């Protein structure tokens, strides 16, 4: 099971916002979708672009290269 790594406070990320943080030298994208928090790799699986430079539409992140 993955270890919990604190990276900030929930109040720092408002609904509809996303930001990247570094966890063990990896970029992790934090996303707040209507009060539910998600963490995922900060890169597009198709072109390896940073998703944090993309746009959040509801629960969908649009890659900056698409």
Protein backbone atom coordinates (compact mmCIF):
# COMPACT_ATOMS: atom_id res chain seq x y z
CA UNK A 1 0.00 0.00 0.00
CA UNK A 2 1.35 3.49 -0.86
CA UNK A 3 2.61 5.60 2.01
CA UNK A 4 0.75 8.80 2.90
CA UNK A 5 2.84 11.89 2.13
CA UNK A 6 1.44 15.25 3.29
CA UNK A 7 1.85 17.91 0.59
CA UNK A 8 -0.45 20.71 1.74
CA UNK A 9 -3.77 21.62 3.29
CA UNK A 10 -7.12 20.97 1.63
CA UNK A 11 -8.00 24.64 2.13
CA UNK A 12 -5.10 25.52 -0.22
CA UNK A 13 -6.87 23.91 -3.20
CA UNK A 14 -10.32 25.30 -3.97
CA UNK A 15 -12.95 23.37 -5.99
CA UNK A 16 -12.04 23.49 -9.68
CA UNK A 17 -8.36 24.07 -9.00
CA UNK A 18 -5.34 21.89 -9.62
CA UNK A 19 -1.64 22.25 -8.87
CA UNK A 20 1.43 20.10 -9.03
CA UNK A 21 3.68 19.16 -6.13
CA UNK A 22 6.90 17.17 -5.91
CA UNK A 23 6.73 13.83 -4.09
CA UNK A 24 9.97 11.89 -3.97
CA UNK A 25 11.23 13.77 -7.06
CA UNK A 26 8.07 12.94 -9.05
CA UNK A 27 5.56 15.55 -10.23
CA UNK A 28 2.13 14.77 -8.80
CA UNK A 29 -0.98 16.67 -9.87
CA UNK A 30 -3.49 17.48 -7.13
CA UNK A 31 -7.04 18.21 -8.27
CA UNK A 32 -10.13 19.33 -6.34
CA UNK A 33 -13.32 18.30 -8.14
CA UNK A 34 -16.29 19.66 -6.19
CA UNK A 35 -14.67 18.84 -2.83
CA UNK A 36 -13.24 15.46 -3.83
CA UNK A 37 -9.45 15.39 -4.04
CA UNK A 38 -7.42 13.39 -6.55
CA UNK A 39 -3.69 12.85 -7.03
CA UNK A 40 -2.20 11.58 -10.28
CA UNK A 41 0.98 11.77 -12.31
CA UNK A 42 1.43 15.20 -13.79
CA UNK A 43 1.90 14.04 -17.36
CA UNK A 44 -0.19 13.12 -20.34
CA UNK A 45 0.09 9.43 -21.22
CA UNK A 46 0.05 10.32 -24.91
CA UNK A 47 2.63 13.13 -25.30
CA UNK A 48 4.14 13.37 -21.77
CA UNK A 49 3.07 17.01 -21.43
CA UNK A 50 2.46 18.32 -17.89
CA UNK A 51 -1.27 18.06 -17.23
CA UNK A 52 -0.95 20.91 -14.71
CA UNK A 53 -0.62 23.24 -17.72
CA UNK A 54 -3.89 21.92 -19.10
CA UNK A 55 -7.47 22.89 -18.32
CA UNK A 56 -9.86 21.30 -15.84
CA UNK A 57 -13.42 20.88 -17.15
CA UNK A 58 -15.49 19.37 -14.34
CA UNK A 59 -13.73 16.06 -13.67
CA UNK A 60 -11.86 15.99 -17.02
CA UNK A 61 -8.37 17.42 -17.56
CA UNK A 62 -7.63 18.60 -21.08
CA UNK A 63 -3.97 18.16 -21.96
CA UNK A 64 -2.30 21.42 -23.05
CA UNK A 65 -1.21 19.74 -26.30
CA UNK A 66 -4.63 18.40 -27.35
